[in-house]
Amino acid sequence: MSGFSELRLSDSVMKGIADMGFKEPTPIQAQALPLLFQGEDVIGQAKTGTGKTAAFGIYALEGLDYSLMKPQVLILTPTRELCLQVRDEIAALGRYTGARIAAVYGGQEIEKQLRFFDGGVQIVVGTPGRAIDHLKRGSLGFADVGLVVIDEADRMLDMGFIEDVEYILANTPESRQTLLFSATMPREVIELAEKYMHAPQFVKVGEDETPVITHIEQSFIAIQDARDRLYALLRYLRDEKPPLAIVFCKTKFGAEKLCLILRERGFKAECLHGDMSQNKRENVMERFKRKQFNILVATDLAARGLHVDGVTNVINYNIPDDHLDYVHRVGRTGRMGKTGGAVTLVLKDEMGKLGEIERALSVRMNEIKYEFKKREERAARMGFRTVKGQRLRRELKMRTPVPHTYNL
């Protein structure tokens, strides 16, 4: 398949595809969509950023009976964040179709979800636990479900959700069509497919464990000690002026502290970490998508499943633990074939870890060289001894002055 026109899609779906800026199918779309329209069950081995959501989203929208206000498509995701991302992308693709799409996940009042159901729902995107909650209380029925999508099945396994997925599959019609996506194929995922799928067709994009990230310009900045970390970040942000960036920190406190420092320095920054309420996290993500601020400071866990179109730069304020975490981070940019930039701040004693990441991914990162002059070092290490700085210390609830090091 070389173009979406070959599928003879409805005008409303084609208009949504055009609005999303999709000019030609990605490899996973080109392989999976023809099989889906033939009615086949499909296993897709593909990473995030390959266009898999659009693949099953296009098919789901095209196959709906729009006169039937009952769940016809069920999409299971491992996390609330991914649930919302998938819901939003399918809603964007289907904006001209009138499809009713609901996201159901834990952490949100179930009554709010029930109110949405009053108008009827045709596509349900949900986490396994909350989908089971609705199934057991009778607020959602799956008797009319003709398509089930299991997204990121390997992460479902890692998070202990496979039994929940099996329970849900057992409560959907045997005649359903099933689509399973997974970045890796552990034995348990294969067994799930063998048990609940009908002669599935297998499609694969990229190699195991190592997604294609050649369209991301990867660099590093060598810093002499932890005190240079903040200066290097500020210099990079001022030089590059990224339109939309994510800065990854190791800890929740570090992310919060760095976010406040960036605001103090005049940057439009917000924080995302696991201790924030679900409502606050959703609010931050919605504002980031709308580009109401351009720097998101986040922890790895909070950013799991985070898919935002248009992220131009990823900055590893702290080097990731291994190449898989690195791939997860930098994969937030350069999505859907677009270019992006990723830079990692590296201490001298972390160069070995950087080398391991390069070897595992078969890449060679470019070095961005900064001169840390004494005057600049003093400015970077001064802390905040101004009136504004005192206010910042109070915000951070520090009992002692801000230290001269920034081990965030």
Protein backbone atom coordinates (compact mmCIF):
# COMPACT_ATOMS: atom_id res chain seq x y z
CA MET A 1 0.00 0.00 0.00
CA SER A 2 1.56 3.27 -1.11
CA GLY A 3 -1.23 5.70 -0.25
CA PHE A 4 -4.36 6.01 1.90
CA SER A 5 -6.44 6.48 -1.26
CA GLU A 6 -5.93 2.79 -2.09
CA LEU A 7 -8.13 1.89 0.89
CA ARG A 8 -11.08 3.87 -0.51
CA LEU A 9 -11.78 5.46 2.86
CA SER A 10 -14.79 7.67 3.53
CA ASP A 11 -14.43 11.38 2.86
CA SER A 12 -14.81 12.20 6.58
CA VAL A 13 -11.94 9.91 7.58
CA MET A 14 -9.75 11.11 4.70
CA LYS A 15 -10.35 14.70 5.78
CA GLY A 16 -9.26 13.82 9.32
CA ILE A 17 -6.11 12.15 7.98
CA ALA A 18 -5.30 15.27 5.95
CA ASP A 19 -5.85 17.53 8.95
CA MET A 20 -3.40 15.40 10.95
CA GLY A 21 -0.77 16.03 8.28
CA PHE A 22 -0.45 12.38 7.22
CA LYS A 23 0.60 12.44 3.56
CA GLU A 24 1.54 8.79 3.11
CA PRO A 25 1.27 5.67 5.28
CA THR A 26 4.06 4.78 7.68
CA PRO A 27 5.48 1.24 7.33
CA ILE A 28 3.27 -0.18 10.09
CA GLN A 29 0.18 1.43 8.54
CA ALA A 30 1.09 0.17 5.06
CA GLN A 31 1.48 -3.39 6.37
CA ALA A 32 -1.37 -3.57 8.89
CA LEU A 33 -4.25 -1.67 7.27
CA PRO A 34 -4.75 -3.92 4.20
CA LEU A 35 -4.81 -6.98 6.48
CA LEU A 36 -7.31 -5.35 8.82
CA PHE A 37 -9.65 -4.47 5.97
CA GLN A 38 -9.47 -8.12 4.89
CA GLY A 39 -10.83 -9.02 8.34
CA GLU A 40 -7.62 -10.61 9.62
CA ASP A 41 -6.46 -10.65 13.23
CA VAL A 42 -3.10 -8.87 13.32
CA ILE A 43 -0.08 -8.89 15.64
CA GLY A 44 2.05 -5.79 15.14
CA GLN A 45 5.55 -5.58 16.57
CA ALA A 46 6.24 -1.86 16.58
CA LYS A 47 7.46 0.85 18.93
CA THR A 48 5.78 4.11 19.83
CA GLY A 49 6.11 6.83 17.23
CA THR A 50 5.64 4.47 14.27
CA GLY A 51 2.04 5.47 13.55
CA LYS A 52 0.38 2.38 15.01
CA THR A 53 -2.35 4.38 16.79
CA ALA A 54 -3.43 5.93 13.50
CA ALA A 55 -3.40 2.46 11.91
CA PHE A 56 -6.01 0.98 14.23
CA GLY A 57 -7.75 4.34 14.66
CA ILE A 58 -8.41 4.70 10.92
CA TYR A 59 -9.70 1.14 10.71
CA ALA A 60 -11.91 1.55 13.79
CA LEU A 61 -13.49 4.76 12.50
CA GLU A 62 -14.10 3.32 9.05
CA GLY A 63 -15.83 0.20 10.40
CA LEU A 64 -18.27 1.81 12.86
CA ASP A 65 -22.03 1.51 12.53
CA TYR A 66 -22.76 5.16 13.26
CA SER A 67 -26.46 4.46 13.84
CA LEU A 68 -25.60 2.19 16.79
CA MET A 69 -24.76 4.05 20.00
CA LYS A 70 -23.15 1.08 21.73
CA PRO A 71 -19.48 0.09 22.24
CA GLN A 72 -18.25 -1.47 19.00
CA VAL A 73 -14.49 -0.95 19.44
CA LEU A 74 -12.53 -1.60 22.65
CA ILE A 75 -8.93 -0.38 22.90
CA LEU A 76 -6.94 -1.44 25.98
CA THR A 77 -3.87 0.51 27.11
CA PRO A 78 -1.56 -0.05 30.11
CA THR A 79 -1.62 3.52 31.50
CA ARG A 80 -3.97 6.46 31.94
CA GLU A 81 -1.61 8.71 30.01
CA LEU A 82 -1.52 6.42 26.99
CA CYS A 83 -5.29 5.98 27.24
CA LEU A 84 -5.79 9.73 26.89
CA GLN A 85 -3.22 10.02 24.11
CA VAL A 86 -4.91 7.29 22.07
CA ARG A 87 -8.36 8.77 22.69
CA ASP A 88 -7.17 12.21 21.57
CA GLU A 89 -5.51 10.94 18.38
CA ILE A 90 -8.52 8.90 17.31
CA ALA A 91 -10.82 11.82 18.15
CA ALA A 92 -8.67 14.05 15.93
CA LEU A 93 -8.77 11.52 13.09
CA GLY A 94 -12.53 11.16 13.50
CA ARG A 95 -13.45 14.80 14.06
CA TYR A 96 -15.63 14.83 10.92
CA THR A 97 -17.27 11.44 11.52
CA GLY A 98 -19.33 12.18 14.63
CA ALA A 99 -17.89 9.13 16.41
CA ARG A 100 -18.50 8.99 20.16
CA ILE A 101 -15.21 8.10 21.88
CA ALA A 102 -14.75 7.60 25.64
CA ALA A 103 -11.59 7.26 27.75
CA VAL A 104 -12.05 5.17 30.91
CA TYR A 105 -9.25 4.93 33.44
CA GLY A 106 -8.57 4.91 37.16
CA GLY A 107 -7.90 8.13 39.03
CA GLN A 108 -10.97 9.85 37.61
CA GLU A 109 -14.37 9.80 39.29
CA ILE A 110 -16.40 7.00 37.74
CA GLU A 111 -19.52 9.21 37.84
CA LYS A 112 -17.89 11.61 35.37
CA GLN A 113 -17.38 8.75 32.95
CA LEU A 114 -20.95 7.55 33.49
CA ARG A 115 -22.32 10.97 32.54
CA PHE A 116 -20.51 10.76 29.19
CA PHE A 117 -22.04 7.34 28.54
CA ASP A 118 -25.54 8.84 28.74
CA GLY A 119 -25.18 10.08 25.16
CA GLY A 120 -23.97 6.70 23.95
CA VAL A 121 -20.41 5.63 23.14
CA GLN A 122 -19.02 3.73 20.15
CA ILE A 123 -15.27 3.52 20.81
CA VAL A 124 -13.98 2.82 24.32
CA VAL A 125 -10.31 3.44 25.13
CA GLY A 126 -9.44 2.25 28.61
CA THR A 127 -7.10 0.72 31.12
CA PRO A 128 -7.95 -2.91 31.97
CA GLY A 129 -8.92 -2.27 35.60
CA ARG A 130 -11.41 0.50 34.89
CA ALA A 131 -12.84 -1.36 31.88
CA ILE A 132 -13.56 -4.29 34.19
CA ASP A 133 -15.15 -1.93 36.74
CA HIS A 134 -17.62 -0.70 34.12
CA LEU A 135 -18.22 -4.21 32.81
CA LYS A 136 -19.07 -5.57 36.27
CA ARG A 137 -21.39 -2.70 37.19
CA GLY A 138 -23.14 -2.93 33.83
CA SER A 139 -22.36 0.64 32.77
CA LEU A 140 -20.60 -0.71 29.67
CA GLY A 141 -21.53 -3.80 27.73
CA PHE A 142 -19.25 -5.46 25.21
CA ALA A 143 -21.82 -7.64 23.42
CA ASP A 144 -21.57 -5.50 20.26
CA VAL A 145 -17.78 -5.16 20.25
CA GLY A 146 -16.43 -6.25 16.88
CA LEU A 147 -12.84 -5.02 17.28
CA VAL A 148 -10.52 -5.31 20.28
CA VAL A 149 -7.11 -3.62 20.25
CA ILE A 150 -4.49 -4.52 22.85
CA ASP A 151 -1.90 -1.74 22.78
CA GLU A 152 1.61 -2.17 24.27
CA ALA A 153 0.93 -5.75 25.37
CA ASP A 154 4.45 -6.21 26.74
CA ARG A 155 3.93 -3.30 29.12
CA MET A 156 0.59 -4.83 30.13
CA LEU A 157 2.59 -7.91 31.08
CA ASP A 158 5.21 -5.90 32.99
CA MET A 159 2.48 -4.12 34.97
CA GLY A 160 0.62 -7.32 35.83
CA PHE A 161 -2.46 -6.68 33.67
CA ILE A 162 -2.46 -9.80 31.49
CA GLU A 163 -5.06 -11.60 33.65
CA ASP A 164 -7.32 -8.55 33.44
CA VAL A 165 -6.90 -8.50 29.66
CA GLU A 166 -7.85 -12.18 29.49
CA TYR A 167 -10.96 -11.52 31.61
CA ILE A 168 -12.04 -8.75 29.24
CA LEU A 169 -11.39 -10.83 26.12
CA ALA A 170 -13.46 -13.66 27.59
CA ASN A 171 -16.37 -11.22 27.92
CA THR A 172 -16.33 -10.07 24.29
CA PRO A 173 -17.83 -11.95 21.33
CA GLU A 174 -15.70 -14.81 19.99
CA SER A 175 -16.36 -13.50 16.49
CA ARG A 176 -14.51 -10.27 17.24
CA GLN A 177 -11.46 -9.13 15.29
CA THR A 178 -8.38 -8.69 17.50
CA LEU A 179 -5.33 -6.51 16.99
CA LEU A 180 -2.34 -6.75 19.33
CA PHE A 181 0.62 -4.36 19.39
CA SER A 182 3.80 -4.97 21.35
CA ALA A 183 7.34 -3.60 21.14
CA THR A 184 8.73 -6.98 22.21
CA MET A 185 7.29 -10.48 22.06
CA PRO A 186 7.84 -12.28 25.38
CA ARG A 187 6.46 -15.80 25.74
CA GLU A 188 3.41 -14.67 27.75
CA VAL A 189 2.33 -12.24 25.02
CA ILE A 190 2.66 -14.96 22.37
CA GLU A 191 0.57 -17.31 24.54
CA LEU A 192 -2.10 -14.61 24.89
CA ALA A 193 -2.24 -14.24 21.12
CA GLU A 194 -2.44 -18.01 20.58
CA LYS A 195 -5.30 -18.31 23.05
CA TYR A 196 -7.50 -15.40 21.97
CA MET A 197 -6.64 -14.56 18.35
CA HIS A 198 -7.76 -16.32 15.16
CA ALA A 199 -4.86 -17.24 12.84
CA PRO A 200 -3.24 -13.83 13.34
CA GLN A 201 -1.08 -12.25 10.65
CA PHE A 202 2.27 -10.92 11.91
CA VAL A 203 3.74 -7.57 10.86
CA LYS A 204 6.94 -6.07 12.17
CA VAL A 205 8.60 -2.68 11.94
CA GLY A 206 12.19 -2.14 13.12
CA GLU A 207 14.46 -4.47 15.05
CA ASP A 208 13.91 -5.88 18.53
CA GLU A 209 14.69 -3.48 21.36
CA THR A 210 16.26 -0.89 19.05
CA PRO A 211 13.81 1.38 17.24
CA VAL A 212 14.91 3.48 14.31
CA ILE A 213 15.98 6.86 15.67
CA THR A 214 18.28 8.00 12.89
CA HIS A 215 16.02 10.98 12.17
CA ILE A 216 16.80 12.39 15.63
CA GLU A 217 19.97 14.47 15.90
CA GLN A 218 21.63 13.04 19.01
CA SER A 219 24.24 15.02 20.95
CA PHE A 220 25.85 15.26 24.37
CA ILE A 221 27.40 17.99 26.49
CA ALA A 222 30.35 16.97 28.68
CA ILE A 223 30.27 18.76 32.04
CA GLN A 224 33.13 18.84 34.52
CA ASP A 225 31.04 18.54 37.66
CA ALA A 226 27.43 18.71 38.82
CA ARG A 227 27.70 22.46 39.35
CA ASP A 228 27.99 22.95 35.58
CA ARG A 229 24.79 21.05 34.83
CA LEU A 230 22.43 24.01 35.25
CA TYR A 231 24.67 26.36 33.27
CA ALA A 232 24.87 23.85 30.40
CA LEU A 233 21.09 23.51 30.31
CA LEU A 234 20.51 27.27 30.36
CA ARG A 235 23.10 27.79 27.62
CA TYR A 236 21.52 25.10 25.46
CA LEU A 237 18.00 26.49 25.89
CA ARG A 238 19.14 30.01 25.04
CA ASP A 239 21.18 28.88 22.03
CA GLU A 240 18.65 26.44 20.57
CA LYS A 241 15.42 28.22 21.60
CA PRO A 242 13.42 24.97 21.30
CA PRO A 243 9.78 25.54 20.30
CA LEU A 244 8.60 22.55 22.36
CA ALA A 245 10.95 20.62 24.66
CA ILE A 246 10.89 17.94 27.35
CA VAL A 247 13.61 17.96 30.03
CA PHE A 248 14.01 14.62 31.82
CA CYS A 249 15.12 14.54 35.46
CA LYS A 250 15.94 11.59 37.69
CA THR A 251 13.72 12.47 40.67
CA LYS A 252 10.39 14.14 41.41
CA PHE A 253 12.01 16.72 43.68
CA GLY A 254 14.69 17.40 41.08
CA ALA A 255 12.08 17.98 38.39
CA GLU A 256 10.07 20.34 40.60
CA LYS A 257 13.16 22.27 41.69
CA LEU A 258 14.50 22.63 38.15
CA CYS A 259 11.10 23.80 36.91
CA LEU A 260 11.05 26.60 39.48
CA ILE A 261 14.60 27.61 38.58
CA LEU A 262 13.72 27.80 34.88
CA ARG A 263 10.70 29.96 35.65
CA GLU A 264 12.91 32.22 37.75
CA ARG A 265 15.18 32.57 34.72
CA GLY A 266 12.29 33.63 32.48
CA PHE A 267 11.42 30.35 30.76
CA LYS A 268 7.85 29.10 30.34
CA ALA A 269 8.14 25.78 32.14
CA GLU A 270 5.83 23.33 33.88
CA CYS A 271 6.48 20.14 35.83
CA LEU A 272 5.11 16.60 35.49
CA HIS A 273 5.77 13.90 38.09
CA GLY A 274 4.05 11.01 39.83
CA ASP A 275 3.09 12.84 43.03
CA MET A 276 0.80 15.24 41.17
CA SER A 277 -2.94 14.56 41.15
CA GLN A 278 -4.37 13.05 37.98
CA ASN A 279 -6.40 16.19 37.27
CA LYS A 280 -3.30 18.37 37.56
CA ARG A 281 -1.28 16.08 35.31
CA GLU A 282 -4.02 16.11 32.69
CA ASN A 283 -4.20 19.90 32.90
CA VAL A 284 -0.43 20.21 32.41
CA MET A 285 -0.49 17.85 29.43
CA GLU A 286 -3.41 19.65 27.81
CA ARG A 287 -1.64 23.01 28.14
CA PHE A 288 1.58 21.51 26.77
CA LYS A 289 -0.27 20.16 23.73
CA ARG A 290 -1.78 23.59 23.17
CA LYS A 291 1.74 25.07 23.42
CA GLN A 292 0.74 27.38 26.28
CA PHE A 293 4.25 26.74 27.61
CA ASN A 294 7.21 25.25 25.78
CA ILE A 295 9.32 23.40 28.37
CA LEU A 296 8.00 20.34 30.21
CA VAL A 297 10.23 19.12 33.05
CA ALA A 298 9.33 15.48 33.72
CA THR A 299 10.37 12.25 35.38
CA ASP A 300 10.54 8.99 33.42
CA LEU A 301 7.55 7.40 35.14
CA ALA A 302 5.30 10.42 34.65
CA ALA A 303 6.19 10.59 30.96
CA ARG A 304 5.38 6.92 30.22
CA GLY A 305 3.02 6.80 27.29
CA LEU A 306 3.45 10.53 26.69
CA HIS A 307 2.84 11.27 23.02
CA VAL A 308 2.69 14.92 22.01
CA ASP A 309 2.96 15.97 18.39
CA GLY A 310 5.52 18.63 17.64
CA VAL A 311 8.07 18.01 20.42
CA THR A 312 11.27 19.37 18.86
CA ASN A 313 13.85 18.68 21.57
CA VAL A 314 14.48 16.20 24.37
CA ILE A 315 17.06 17.08 27.02
CA ASN A 316 18.41 14.44 29.38
CA TYR A 317 19.30 16.59 32.38
CA ASN A 318 20.41 13.35 34.04
CA ILE A 319 21.73 10.53 31.87
CA PRO A 320 19.31 7.57 31.60
CA ASP A 321 20.19 4.30 33.33
CA ASP A 322 20.38 2.27 30.12
CA HIS A 323 19.76 2.37 26.38
CA LEU A 324 16.10 1.33 26.72
CA ASP A 325 15.34 4.28 29.00
CA TYR A 326 17.28 6.47 26.59
CA VAL A 327 15.17 5.28 23.66
CA HIS A 328 11.98 5.88 25.64
CA ARG A 329 13.04 9.45 26.39
CA VAL A 330 14.35 10.56 23.02
CA GLY A 331 11.43 8.85 21.28
CA ARG A 332 9.22 11.70 22.49
CA THR A 333 10.64 13.74 19.59
CA GLY A 334 11.14 12.90 15.93
CA ARG A 335 7.75 11.18 15.78
CA MET A 336 5.89 10.16 12.61
CA GLY A 337 9.01 10.67 10.49
CA LYS A 338 9.62 14.25 11.63
CA THR A 339 13.08 15.38 12.71
CA GLY A 340 14.00 16.14 16.30
CA GLY A 341 16.94 16.86 18.57
CA ALA A 342 18.11 15.06 21.71
CA VAL A 343 20.93 16.14 24.00
CA THR A 344 22.32 14.45 27.12
CA LEU A 345 24.28 16.19 29.88
CA VAL A 346 27.12 13.88 30.91
CA LEU A 347 29.60 14.03 33.79
CA LYS A 348 33.14 12.72 33.32
CA ASP A 349 32.43 9.56 35.30
CA GLU A 350 29.28 8.95 33.23
CA MET A 351 31.06 8.80 29.88
CA GLY A 352 31.27 5.02 30.15
CA LYS A 353 27.50 4.79 30.46
CA LEU A 354 27.10 7.07 27.44
CA GLY A 355 29.40 4.77 25.48
CA GLU A 356 27.27 1.76 26.44
CA ILE A 357 24.17 3.53 25.12
CA GLU A 358 25.94 4.40 21.86
CA ARG A 359 27.12 0.82 21.35
CA ALA A 360 23.71 -0.69 22.16
CA LEU A 361 22.01 1.60 19.64
CA SER A 362 24.85 1.66 17.08
CA VAL A 363 24.94 5.44 17.09
CA ARG A 364 27.64 8.05 17.48
CA MET A 365 26.51 11.20 19.26
CA ASN A 366 27.93 14.60 18.40
CA GLU A 367 29.55 16.60 21.19
CA ILE A 368 28.35 20.14 21.87
CA LYS A 369 31.29 21.94 23.46
CA TYR A 370 30.81 24.74 25.97
CA GLU A 371 33.59 26.64 27.68
CA PHE A 372 32.90 27.00 31.37
CA LYS A 373 34.68 30.26 32.10
CA LYS A 374 35.27 31.25 35.70
CA ARG A 375 32.92 34.21 35.51
CA GLU A 376 30.21 32.07 33.98
CA GLU A 377 30.82 29.34 36.51
CA ARG A 378 30.34 31.81 39.34
CA ALA A 379 27.11 33.03 37.77
CA ALA A 380 25.86 29.48 37.41
CA ARG A 381 26.85 28.56 40.96
CA MET A 382 25.73 31.70 42.72
CA GLY A 383 22.40 30.21 43.68
CA PHE A 384 19.65 32.71 44.29
CA ARG A 385 20.77 35.45 46.68
CA THR A 386 18.30 38.01 45.37
CA VAL A 387 14.83 38.90 46.60
CA LYS A 388 13.41 36.66 43.87
CA GLY A 389 15.77 33.93 44.94
CA GLN A 390 14.60 34.13 48.52
CA ARG A 391 11.04 33.75 47.30
CA LEU A 392 12.12 30.73 45.27
CA ARG A 393 13.68 29.18 48.36
CA ARG A 394 10.43 29.64 50.21
CA GLU A 395 8.56 27.97 47.34
CA LEU A 396 10.92 25.03 47.59
CA LYS A 397 10.33 25.03 51.37
CA MET A 398 14.02 24.85 52.08
CA ARG A 399 15.19 25.35 55.63
CA THR A 400 18.72 26.10 54.46
CA PRO A 401 20.00 28.38 51.69
CA VAL A 402 20.14 26.99 48.18
CA PRO A 403 23.46 25.13 47.96
CA HIS A 404 26.06 25.97 45.37
CA THR A 405 25.48 22.66 43.60
CA TYR A 406 22.47 21.64 41.55
CA ASN A 407 22.23 17.89 41.93
CA LEU A 408 18.70 17.75 40.57
